């Protein structure tokens, strides 16, 4: 069930009508962390659900659902989707991603101070998790995509290596290809002309890292070529030595007197010589 423009519809739903699916066990520290955030600032990220008869199947938010159920919450803010398959191939979110956590903290700061939130989450501080300077480096359309969870935190950081007009170009390419992965974004960043790149400010730029990886790869290829040359030369030497040995053995056994003497006094050696000729000539 969606709104007129196709977007998920927000609705408060009785918790008894919610049914989790494919629940997974998660580390206790993640559960405690999300529980602490719910106690401190309430439910910021609504559950994603799908209508299922008189109930609603939880597509995203099973862990939050369990915590709310344990605390006796009666109604839960939800986003109702009319499509279920879109979530099938995605990993169910049983813990907050870095992007979700960042948005949660930013929204929490509208009502609470940093110290209160940090205490509730069991942290010394939350400043390092807010990435305050990140969003100022992004094009407004990218900020919207980030807030809509289309691009993750790692991708957003990757795009700060290029200027905002280039960021918008990359975003449009990601939208047209329907590929918001960090790998795809990094590939487009690396293709960015020098004029549209931002300054590294002391840190390694993607292009520096790419050049270093290229140099390392070339070095490994050179080492492999050297080893190939070494073993090729060794093989040629062994082949030459074997050929000389075969010629010598053939001459020995071709001499009737020598062969008779070897057969009488060195029978085992004669057998070996005959095997050499048989294996090389057969």
C-alpha atoms as a PDB file:
ATOM      1  CA  UNK A   1       0.000   0.000   0.000  1.00  0.00           C
ATOM      2  CA  UNK A   2       1.571   3.233  -1.146  1.00  0.00           C
ATOM      3  CA  UNK A   3       0.608   6.859  -1.445  1.00  0.00           C
ATOM      4  CA  UNK A   4      -0.574   8.374  -4.697  1.00  0.00           C
ATOM      5  CA  UNK A   5       2.955   9.066  -5.940  1.00  0.00           C
ATOM      6  CA  UNK A   6       4.062   5.471  -5.397  1.00  0.00           C
ATOM      7  CA  UNK A   7       6.005   6.174  -2.208  1.00  0.00           C
ATOM      8  CA  UNK A   8       5.556   3.944   0.880  1.00  0.00           C
ATOM      9  CA  UNK A   9       2.726   5.084   3.151  1.00  0.00           C
ATOM     10  CA  UNK A  10       3.476   5.910   6.781  1.00  0.00           C
ATOM     11  CA  UNK A  11       1.118   4.483   9.392  1.00  0.00           C
ATOM     12  CA  UNK A  12       1.117   3.560  13.075  1.00  0.00           C
ATOM     13  CA  UNK A  13       0.321  -0.153  13.342  1.00  0.00           C
ATOM     14  CA  UNK A  14      -0.590  -2.258  16.360  1.00  0.00           C
ATOM     15  CA  UNK A  15       2.420  -4.351  17.340  1.00  0.00           C
ATOM     16  CA  UNK A  16       0.272  -7.504  17.589  1.00  0.00           C
ATOM     17  CA  UNK A  17      -0.346  -7.271  13.838  1.00  0.00           C
ATOM     18  CA  UNK A  18       3.360  -7.284  12.982  1.00  0.00           C
ATOM     19  CA  UNK A  19       4.962 -10.561  11.911  1.00  0.00           C
ATOM     20  CA  UNK A  20       8.784 -10.805  11.584  1.00  0.00           C
ATOM     21  CA  UNK A  21      10.289 -12.906   8.813  1.00  0.00           C
ATOM     22  CA  UNK A  22      13.662 -14.610   8.454  1.00  0.00           C
ATOM     23  CA  UNK A  23      14.893 -13.485  11.854  1.00  0.00           C
ATOM     24  CA  UNK A  24      18.635 -13.880  12.357  1.00  0.00           C
ATOM     25  CA  UNK A  25      20.706 -13.992  15.480  1.00  0.00           C
ATOM     26  CA  UNK A  26      22.936 -10.964  15.973  1.00  0.00           C
ATOM     27  CA  UNK A  27      25.734 -10.181  18.385  1.00  0.00           C
ATOM     28  CA  UNK A  28      24.559  -9.105  21.821  1.00  0.00           C
ATOM     29  CA  UNK A  29      26.450  -5.798  21.619  1.00  0.00           C
ATOM     30  CA  UNK A  30      24.418  -4.739  18.564  1.00  0.00           C
ATOM     31  CA  UNK A  31      21.161  -5.600  20.287  1.00  0.00           C
ATOM     32  CA  UNK A  32      22.162  -3.661  23.409  1.00  0.00           C
ATOM     33  CA  UNK A  33      23.251  -0.695  21.336  1.00  0.00           C
ATOM     34  CA  UNK A  34      19.977  -0.409  19.453  1.00  0.00           C
ATOM     35  CA  UNK A  35      18.029  -0.943  22.655  1.00  0.00           C
ATOM     36  CA  UNK A  36      19.943   1.915  24.292  1.00  0.00           C
ATOM     37  CA  UNK A  37      19.206   4.210  21.357  1.00  0.00           C
ATOM     38  CA  UNK A  38      15.505   3.337  21.497  1.00  0.00           C
ATOM     39  CA  UNK A  39      15.409   4.137  25.212  1.00  0.00           C
ATOM     40  CA  UNK A  40      17.199   7.424  24.692  1.00  0.00           C
ATOM     41  CA  UNK A  41      15.526   8.865  21.619  1.00  0.00           C
ATOM     42  CA  UNK A  42      12.722   6.493  20.683  1.00  0.00           C
ATOM     43  CA  UNK A  43      12.162   4.850  17.317  1.00  0.00           C
ATOM     44  CA  UNK A  44      13.611   7.073  14.625  1.00  0.00           C
ATOM     45  CA  UNK A  45      13.788   4.623  11.724  1.00  0.00           C
ATOM     46  CA  UNK A  46      10.265   3.221  11.085  1.00  0.00           C
ATOM     47  CA  UNK A  47       9.815  -0.458  10.367  1.00  0.00           C
ATOM     48  CA  UNK A  48       9.347  -1.469   6.731  1.00  0.00           C
ATOM     49  CA  UNK A  49       6.317  -3.759   6.385  1.00  0.00           C
ATOM     50  CA  UNK A  50       4.261  -5.521   3.726  1.00  0.00           C
ATOM     51  CA  UNK A  51       0.478  -6.157   4.022  1.00  0.00           C
ATOM     52  CA  UNK A  52      -0.232  -9.836   4.602  1.00  0.00           C
ATOM     53  CA  UNK A  53      -3.955 -10.413   5.116  1.00  0.00           C
ATOM     54  CA  UNK A  54      -4.910  -8.867   8.447  1.00  0.00           C
ATOM     55  CA  UNK A  55      -1.261  -8.661   9.496  1.00  0.00           C
ATOM     56  CA  UNK A  56       1.911  -6.994   8.255  1.00  0.00           C
ATOM     57  CA  UNK A  57       5.144  -8.813   7.501  1.00  0.00           C
ATOM     58  CA  UNK A  58       8.278  -6.987   8.674  1.00  0.00           C
ATOM     59  CA  UNK A  59      10.704  -6.573   5.788  1.00  0.00           C
ATOM     60  CA  UNK A  60      13.187  -4.433   7.688  1.00  0.00           C
ATOM     61  CA  UNK A  61      13.459  -3.912  11.441  1.00  0.00           C
ATOM     62  CA  UNK A  62      13.011  -7.319  13.089  1.00  0.00           C
ATOM     63  CA  UNK A  63      15.476  -6.523  15.863  1.00  0.00           C
ATOM     64  CA  UNK A  64      13.810  -3.186  16.649  1.00  0.00           C
ATOM     65  CA  UNK A  65      10.452  -4.971  16.652  1.00  0.00           C
ATOM     66  CA  UNK A  66      11.631  -7.510  19.232  1.00  0.00           C
ATOM     67  CA  UNK A  67      13.004  -4.791  21.492  1.00  0.00           C
ATOM     68  CA  UNK A  68       9.793  -2.746  21.260  1.00  0.00           C
ATOM     69  CA  UNK A  69       7.759  -5.884  21.980  1.00  0.00           C
ATOM     70  CA  UNK A  70       9.812  -6.599  25.114  1.00  0.00           C
ATOM     71  CA  UNK A  71       9.205  -3.027  26.323  1.00  0.00           C
ATOM     72  CA  UNK A  72       5.436  -3.326  25.967  1.00  0.00           C
ATOM     73  CA  UNK A  73       5.034  -0.865  23.102  1.00  0.00           C
ATOM     74  CA  UNK A  74       1.528  -1.131  21.636  1.00  0.00           C
ATOM     75  CA  UNK A  75       1.808   0.734  18.318  1.00  0.00           C
ATOM     76  CA  UNK A  76       4.802   1.106  16.015  1.00  0.00           C
ATOM     77  CA  UNK A  77       5.517   3.675  13.253  1.00  0.00           C
ATOM     78  CA  UNK A  78       5.782   1.791   9.957  1.00  0.00           C
ATOM     79  CA  UNK A  79       6.245   2.366   6.243  1.00  0.00           C
ATOM     80  CA  UNK A  80       3.895   0.154   4.233  1.00  0.00           C
ATOM     81  CA  UNK A  81       5.262  -1.141   0.921  1.00  0.00           C
ATOM     82  CA  UNK A  82       3.098  -2.803  -1.700  1.00  0.00           C
ATOM     83  CA  UNK A  83       6.067  -4.670  -3.180  1.00  0.00           C
ATOM     84  CA  UNK A  84       7.793  -7.422  -1.331  1.00  0.00           C
ATOM     85  CA  UNK A  85      10.268  -8.766  -3.878  1.00  0.00           C
ATOM     86  CA  UNK A  86      12.348  -5.611  -3.814  1.00  0.00           C
ATOM     87  CA  UNK A  87      13.551  -6.570  -0.356  1.00  0.00           C
ATOM     88  CA  UNK A  88      14.064 -10.294  -1.032  1.00  0.00           C
ATOM     89  CA  UNK A  89      17.548 -10.014  -2.476  1.00  0.00           C
ATOM     90  CA  UNK A  90      18.720  -7.471   0.073  1.00  0.00           C
ATOM     91  CA  UNK A  91      20.246  -8.304   3.428  1.00  0.00           C
ATOM     92  CA  UNK A  92      17.683  -7.849   6.194  1.00  0.00           C
ATOM     93  CA  UNK A  93      18.796  -5.030   8.428  1.00  0.00           C
ATOM     94  CA  UNK A  94      18.988  -6.374  11.966  1.00  0.00           C
ATOM     95  CA  UNK A  95      21.505  -3.768  13.037  1.00  0.00           C
ATOM     96  CA  UNK A  96      21.990  -0.134  12.140  1.00  0.00           C
ATOM     97  CA  UNK A  97      24.326   0.513   9.260  1.00  0.00           C
ATOM     98  CA  UNK A  98      26.800   3.374   9.478  1.00  0.00           C
ATOM     99  CA  UNK A  99      24.500   5.485   7.295  1.00  0.00           C
ATOM    100  CA  UNK A 100      21.421   4.701   9.389  1.00  0.00           C
ATOM    101  CA  UNK A 101      23.308   5.398  12.594  1.00  0.00           C
ATOM    102  CA  UNK A 102      24.498   8.738  11.267  1.00  0.00           C
ATOM    103  CA  UNK A 103      20.973   9.796  10.304  1.00  0.00           C
ATOM    104  CA  UNK A 104      19.607   8.595  13.630  1.00  0.00           C
ATOM    105  CA  UNK A 105      22.172  10.616  15.564  1.00  0.00           C
ATOM    106  CA  UNK A 106      21.583  13.730  13.479  1.00  0.00           C
ATOM    107  CA  UNK A 107      17.849  13.500  14.045  1.00  0.00           C
ATOM    108  CA  UNK A 108      18.346  12.823  17.741  1.00  0.00           C
ATOM    109  CA  UNK A 109      20.364  16.031  18.079  1.00  0.00           C
ATOM    110  CA  UNK A 110      17.239  17.989  17.190  1.00  0.00           C
ATOM    111  CA  UNK A 111      15.892  17.174  20.664  1.00  0.00           C
ATOM    112  CA  UNK A 112      18.849  15.996  22.761  1.00  0.00           C
ATOM    113  CA  UNK A 113      22.439  17.102  23.295  1.00  0.00           C
ATOM    114  CA  UNK A 114      25.453  15.023  22.248  1.00  0.00           C
ATOM    115  CA  UNK A 115      26.379  14.050  25.806  1.00  0.00           C
ATOM    116  CA  UNK A 116      22.935  12.617  26.569  1.00  0.00           C
ATOM    117  CA  UNK A 117      22.900  10.583  23.378  1.00  0.00           C
ATOM    118  CA  UNK A 118      26.466   9.347  23.883  1.00  0.00           C
ATOM    119  CA  UNK A 119      25.653   8.221  27.425  1.00  0.00           C
ATOM    120  CA  UNK A 120      22.582   6.341  26.253  1.00  0.00           C
ATOM    121  CA  UNK A 121      24.591   4.571  23.571  1.00  0.00           C
ATOM    122  CA  UNK A 122      27.466   3.748  25.910  1.00  0.00           C
ATOM    123  CA  UNK A 123      29.984   5.906  24.022  1.00  0.00           C
ATOM    124  CA  UNK A 124      32.396   8.573  25.161  1.00  0.00           C
ATOM    125  CA  UNK A 125      31.280  10.817  22.322  1.00  0.00           C
ATOM    126  CA  UNK A 126      29.396  10.730  19.035  1.00  0.00           C
ATOM    127  CA  UNK A 127      31.147  13.522  17.135  1.00  0.00           C
ATOM    128  CA  UNK A 128      33.292  11.111  15.156  1.00  0.00           C
ATOM    129  CA  UNK A 129      30.173   9.236  14.037  1.00  0.00           C
ATOM    130  CA  UNK A 130      28.304  12.294  12.823  1.00  0.00           C
ATOM    131  CA  UNK A 131      30.702  13.065   9.982  1.00  0.00           C
ATOM    132  CA  UNK A 132      29.630  16.689  10.292  1.00  0.00           C
ATOM    133  CA  UNK A 133      31.842  17.876   7.454  1.00  0.00           C
ATOM    134  CA  UNK A 134      30.794  15.133   5.051  1.00  0.00           C
ATOM    135  CA  UNK A 135      27.420  16.484   3.961  1.00  0.00           C
ATOM    136  CA  UNK A 136      28.826  19.963   3.357  1.00  0.00           C
ATOM    137  CA  UNK A 137      31.121  18.456   0.717  1.00  0.00           C
ATOM    138  CA  UNK A 138      28.295  16.752  -1.151  1.00  0.00           C
ATOM    139  CA  UNK A 139      25.997  18.109  -3.846  1.00  0.00           C
ATOM    140  CA  UNK A 140      22.450  18.712  -2.489  1.00  0.00           C
ATOM    141  CA  UNK A 141      21.061  15.949  -4.721  1.00  0.00           C
ATOM    142  CA  UNK A 142      23.641  13.559  -3.293  1.00  0.00           C
ATOM    143  CA  UNK A 143      22.648  14.548   0.229  1.00  0.00           C
ATOM    144  CA  UNK A 144      19.052  13.656  -0.662  1.00  0.00           C
ATOM    145  CA  UNK A 145      20.179  10.301  -2.070  1.00  0.00           C
ATOM    146  CA  UNK A 146      22.208   9.648   1.077  1.00  0.00           C
ATOM    147  CA  UNK A 147      19.300  10.517   3.356  1.00  0.00           C
ATOM    148  CA  UNK A 148      17.082   8.238   1.263  1.00  0.00           C
ATOM    149  CA  UNK A 149      19.596   5.423   1.878  1.00  0.00           C
ATOM    150  CA  UNK A 150      20.309   5.031  -1.848  1.00  0.00           C
ATOM    151  CA  UNK A 151      24.026   5.527  -1.301  1.00  0.00           C
ATOM    152  CA  UNK A 152      25.911   4.334   1.751  1.00  0.00           C
ATOM    153  CA  UNK A 153      28.429   6.172   3.882  1.00  0.00           C
ATOM    154  CA  UNK A 154      31.461   4.688   2.125  1.00  0.00           C
ATOM    155  CA  UNK A 155      30.147   5.759  -1.279  1.00  0.00           C
ATOM    156  CA  UNK A 156      29.404   9.252   0.013  1.00  0.00           C
ATOM    157  CA  UNK A 157      32.966   9.575   1.303  1.00  0.00           C
ATOM    158  CA  UNK A 158      34.317   8.318  -2.015  1.00  0.00           C
ATOM    159  CA  UNK A 159      32.433  11.029  -3.900  1.00  0.00           C
ATOM    160  CA  UNK A 160      33.968  13.821  -1.817  1.00  0.00           C
ATOM    161  CA  UNK A 161      37.120  13.290  -3.872  1.00  0.00           C
ATOM    162  CA  UNK A 162      35.478  15.087  -6.806  1.00  0.00           C
ATOM    163  CA  UNK A 163      33.849  18.485  -7.135  1.00  0.00           C
ATOM    164  CA  UNK A 164      30.100  18.840  -6.720  1.00  0.00           C
ATOM    165  CA  UNK A 165      29.330  19.259 -10.431  1.00  0.00           C
ATOM    166  CA  UNK A 166      31.146  15.973 -11.069  1.00  0.00           C
ATOM    167  CA  UNK A 167      29.295  14.413  -8.116  1.00  0.00           C
ATOM    168  CA  UNK A 168      26.012  15.265  -9.824  1.00  0.00           C
ATOM    169  CA  UNK A 169      27.241  13.707 -13.081  1.00  0.00           C
ATOM    170  CA  UNK A 170      28.187  10.524 -11.236  1.00  0.00           C
ATOM    171  CA  UNK A 171      24.851  10.425  -9.412  1.00  0.00           C
ATOM    172  CA  UNK A 172      22.965  10.650 -12.721  1.00  0.00           C
ATOM    173  CA  UNK A 173      25.082   7.809 -14.133  1.00  0.00           C
ATOM    174  CA  UNK A 174      24.388   5.708 -11.038  1.00  0.00           C
ATOM    175  CA  UNK A 175      20.666   6.401 -11.414  1.00  0.00           C
ATOM    176  CA  UNK A 176      20.624   5.556 -15.130  1.00  0.00           C
ATOM    177  CA  UNK A 177      22.501   2.293 -14.500  1.00  0.00           C
ATOM    178  CA  UNK A 178      20.601   1.613 -11.280  1.00  0.00           C
ATOM    179  CA  UNK A 179      23.922   0.854  -9.633  1.00  0.00           C
ATOM    180  CA  UNK A 180      24.657   2.673  -6.377  1.00  0.00           C
ATOM    181  CA  UNK A 181      27.511   0.425  -5.290  1.00  0.00           C
ATOM    182  CA  UNK A 182      30.764   1.817  -3.928  1.00  0.00           C
ATOM    183  CA  UNK A 183      32.724  -0.098  -6.571  1.00  0.00           C
ATOM    184  CA  UNK A 184      30.805   1.564  -9.399  1.00  0.00           C
ATOM    185  CA  UNK A 185      31.152   4.992  -7.788  1.00  0.00           C
ATOM    186  CA  UNK A 186      34.908   4.515  -7.280  1.00  0.00           C
ATOM    187  CA  UNK A 187      35.321   3.555 -10.926  1.00  0.00           C
ATOM    188  CA  UNK A 188      33.600   6.767 -12.023  1.00  0.00           C
ATOM    189  CA  UNK A 189      35.653   8.805  -9.567  1.00  0.00           C
ATOM    190  CA  UNK A 190      38.882   7.395 -11.001  1.00  0.00           C
ATOM    191  CA  UNK A 191      37.789   8.462 -14.501  1.00  0.00           C
ATOM    192  CA  UNK A 192      37.294  12.057 -13.343  1.00  0.00           C
ATOM    193  CA  UNK A 193      39.426  14.679 -15.153  1.00  0.00           C
ATOM    194  CA  UNK A 194      42.015  16.479 -13.023  1.00  0.00           C
ATOM    195  CA  UNK A 195      40.093  19.765 -13.237  1.00  0.00           C
ATOM    196  CA  UNK A 196      37.089  18.212 -11.482  1.00  0.00           C
ATOM    197  CA  UNK A 197      39.006  16.576  -8.639  1.00  0.00           C
ATOM    198  CA  UNK A 198      39.227  17.976  -5.120  1.00  0.00           C
ATOM    199  CA  UNK A 199      42.462  18.445  -3.211  1.00  0.00           C
ATOM    200  CA  UNK A 200      43.609  15.488  -1.147  1.00  0.00           C
ATOM    201  CA  UNK A 201      44.447  17.602   1.943  1.00  0.00           C
ATOM    202  CA  UNK A 202      47.282  15.351   3.030  1.00  0.00           C
ATOM    203  CA  UNK A 203      45.448  12.052   2.630  1.00  0.00           C
ATOM    204  CA  UNK A 204      45.957   9.621  -0.201  1.00  0.00           C
ATOM    205  CA  UNK A 205      43.658  10.302  -3.129  1.00  0.00           C
ATOM    206  CA  UNK A 206      41.929   7.484  -5.035  1.00  0.00           C
ATOM    207  CA  UNK A 207      44.215   8.201  -7.978  1.00  0.00           C
ATOM    208  CA  UNK A 208      47.345   7.901  -5.823  1.00  0.00           C
ATOM    209  CA  UNK A 209      46.084   4.608  -4.429  1.00  0.00           C
ATOM    210  CA  UNK A 210      45.239   3.411  -7.939  1.00  0.00           C
ATOM    211  CA  UNK A 211      48.740   4.321  -9.168  1.00  0.00           C
ATOM    212  CA  UNK A 212      50.299   2.508  -6.208  1.00  0.00           C
ATOM    213  CA  UNK A 213      48.216  -0.598  -6.898  1.00  0.00           C
ATOM    214  CA  UNK A 214      49.177  -0.394 -10.561  1.00  0.00           C
ATOM    215  CA  UNK A 215      52.870  -0.134  -9.639  1.00  0.00           C
ATOM    216  CA  UNK A 216      52.564  -3.086  -7.274  1.00  0.00           C
ATOM    217  CA  UNK A 217      50.836  -5.126  -9.971  1.00  0.00           C
ATOM    218  CA  UNK A 218      53.504  -4.255 -12.549  1.00  0.00           C
ATOM    219  CA  UNK A 219      56.198  -5.225 -10.059  1.00  0.00           C
ATOM    220  CA  UNK A 220      54.551  -8.596  -9.475  1.00  0.00           C
ATOM    221  CA  UNK A 221      54.236  -9.121 -13.224  1.00  0.00           C
ATOM    222  CA  UNK A 222      57.927  -8.342 -13.691  1.00  0.00           C
ATOM    223  CA  UNK A 223      58.827 -10.801 -10.938  1.00  0.00           C
ATOM    224  CA  UNK A 224      56.610 -13.421 -12.578  1.00  0.00           C
ATOM    225  CA  UNK A 225      58.301 -12.809 -15.944  1.00  0.00           C
ATOM    226  CA  UNK A 226      61.738 -13.165 -14.342  1.00  0.00           C
ATOM    227  CA  UNK A 227      60.708 -16.439 -12.738  1.00  0.00           C
ATOM    228  CA  UNK A 228      59.285 -17.599 -16.059  1.00  0.00           C
ATOM    229  CA  UNK A 229      62.570 -16.767 -17.811  1.00  0.00           C
ATOM    230  CA  UNK A 230      64.547 -18.577 -15.100  1.00  0.00           C
ATOM    231  CA  UNK A 231      62.494 -21.772 -15.260  1.00  0.00           C
ATOM    232  CA  UNK A 232      62.360 -21.659 -19.071  1.00  0.00           C
ATOM    233  CA  UNK A 233      66.167 -21.485 -19.169  1.00  0.00           C
ATOM    234  CA  UNK A 234      66.402 -24.275 -16.618  1.00  0.00           C
ATOM    235  CA  UNK A 235      64.035 -26.425 -18.683  1.00  0.00           C
ATOM    236  CA  UNK A 236      66.071 -25.832 -21.837  1.00  0.00           C
ATOM    237  CA  UNK A 237      69.262 -26.813 -19.995  1.00  0.00           C
ATOM    238  CA  UNK A 238      67.657 -29.997 -18.641  1.00  0.00           C
ATOM    239  CA  UNK A 239      66.403 -30.875 -22.133  1.00  0.00           C
ATOM    240  CA  UNK A 240      69.861 -30.348 -23.632  1.00  0.00           C
ATOM    241  CA  UNK A 241      71.487 -32.485 -20.926  1.00  0.00           C
ATOM    242  CA  UNK A 242      68.921 -35.230 -21.463  1.00  0.00           C
ATOM    243  CA  UNK A 243      69.544 -35.218 -25.205  1.00  0.00           C
ATOM    244  CA  UNK A 244      73.296 -35.542 -24.658  1.00  0.00           C
ATOM    245  CA  UNK A 245      72.707 -38.407 -22.225  1.00  0.00           C
ATOM    246  CA  UNK A 246      70.462 -40.271 -24.679  1.00  0.00           C
ATOM    247  CA  UNK A 247      73.049 -39.953 -27.471  1.00  0.00           C
ATOM    248  CA  UNK A 248      75.803 -41.236 -25.166  1.00  0.00           C
ATOM    249  CA  UNK A 249      73.722 -44.178 -23.883  1.00  0.00           C
ATOM    250  CA  UNK A 250      72.681 -45.134 -27.414  1.00  0.00           C
ATOM    251  CA  UNK A 251      76.360 -45.226 -28.441  1.00  0.00           C
ATOM    252  CA  UNK A 252      77.247 -47.398 -25.434  1.00  0.00           C
ATOM    253  CA  UNK A 253      74.512 -49.951 -26.029  1.00  0.00           C
ATOM    254  CA  UNK A 254      75.134 -49.819 -29.768  1.00  0.00           C
ATOM    255  CA  UNK A 255      78.578 -51.273 -29.153  1.00  0.00           C
ATOM    256  CA  UNK A 256      78.115 -55.045 -28.798  1.00  0.00           C
ATOM    257  CA  UNK A 257      81.242 -55.581 -26.680  1.00  0.00           C
ATOM    258  CA  UNK A 258      80.406 -52.732 -24.288  1.00  0.00           C
ATOM    259  CA  UNK A 259      76.800 -53.906 -23.965  1.00  0.00           C
ATOM    260  CA  UNK A 260      77.924 -57.492 -23.239  1.00  0.00           C
ATOM    261  CA  UNK A 261      80.334 -56.277 -20.585  1.00  0.00           C
ATOM    262  CA  UNK A 262      77.698 -54.059 -18.937  1.00  0.00           C
ATOM    263  CA  UNK A 263      75.133 -56.842 -19.017  1.00  0.00           C
ATOM    264  CA  UNK A 264      77.560 -59.248 -17.314  1.00  0.00           C
ATOM    265  CA  UNK A 265      79.027 -56.929 -14.712  1.00  0.00           C
ATOM    266  CA  UNK A 266      76.432 -54.143 -14.342  1.00  0.00           C
ATOM    267  CA  UNK A 267      73.062 -55.671 -15.178  1.00  0.00           C
ATOM    268  CA  UNK A 268      71.063 -53.069 -13.235  1.00  0.00           C
ATOM    269  CA  UNK A 269      72.829 -50.212 -15.019  1.00  0.00           C
ATOM    270  CA  UNK A 270      72.153 -51.850 -18.382  1.00  0.00           C
ATOM    271  CA  UNK A 271      68.458 -52.066 -17.525  1.00  0.00           C
ATOM    272  CA  UNK A 272      68.388 -48.354 -16.623  1.00  0.00           C
ATOM    273  CA  UNK A 273      70.105 -47.433 -19.893  1.00  0.00           C
ATOM    274  CA  UNK A 274      67.584 -49.471 -21.869  1.00  0.00           C
ATOM    275  CA  UNK A 275      64.691 -47.779 -20.036  1.00  0.00           C
ATOM    276  CA  UNK A 276      66.130 -44.350 -20.874  1.00  0.00           C
ATOM    277  CA  UNK A 277      66.205 -45.217 -24.559  1.00  0.00           C
ATOM    278  CA  UNK A 278      62.748 -46.766 -24.443  1.00  0.00           C
ATOM    279  CA  UNK A 279      61.175 -43.752 -22.707  1.00  0.00           C
ATOM    280  CA  UNK A 280      62.804 -41.169 -24.941  1.00  0.00           C
ATOM    281  CA  UNK A 281      62.398 -42.934 -28.256  1.00  0.00           C
ATOM    282  CA  UNK A 282      59.052 -44.570 -27.633  1.00  0.00           C
END
